[in-house]
Amino acid sequence: MIETFYGTGRRKASIARVFLRNGEGKITVNGKDFQDYFRGIIRAVQALEPLRVTGALGRFDATITVAGGGPGGQSDAIKLGLARALVRLDSENRAKLKPAGLLTRDSREVESKKAGLKKARRAPQFSKR
């Protein structure tokens, strides 16, 4: 039986569910290849940083489902999900991932719009006359 390790990552409005299995390094996101899903987005390569830090790049297959938000938030959610799955795989990975800041959830969210304002804090232009 192939053992599967799971990790959840969240960032802004994005939620990523990451499933790690032993394999040859194939990564699929929502049924597509990782490179095809994040075509042309250079920042998405940073999502694989937890695998690089732990030296697990090419040793595991990852099946990822991600929903909500844009490509930037989705790639950051995947990064956190991968890091959490690697810690479940082997608790010694925590010592490598924690100093790199890969286990920290970025809790910044979009502030809600307020009544009487144009955006969350942007007031209408003041006219004296």
Foldseek 3Di string as FASTA:
>chain_A
DWDWFWFWFFFAFKIKIKIKTFDQQFEDEPNHGQCVVCPPPPCLVCLCVLCVQLVNHRGIYMYMYMDDDDPVRRSLRSSLTVNNRVCVVPVVSCVRCVVVVSNDHDPDYAAAPDPQDPGNPHHPDDDPD
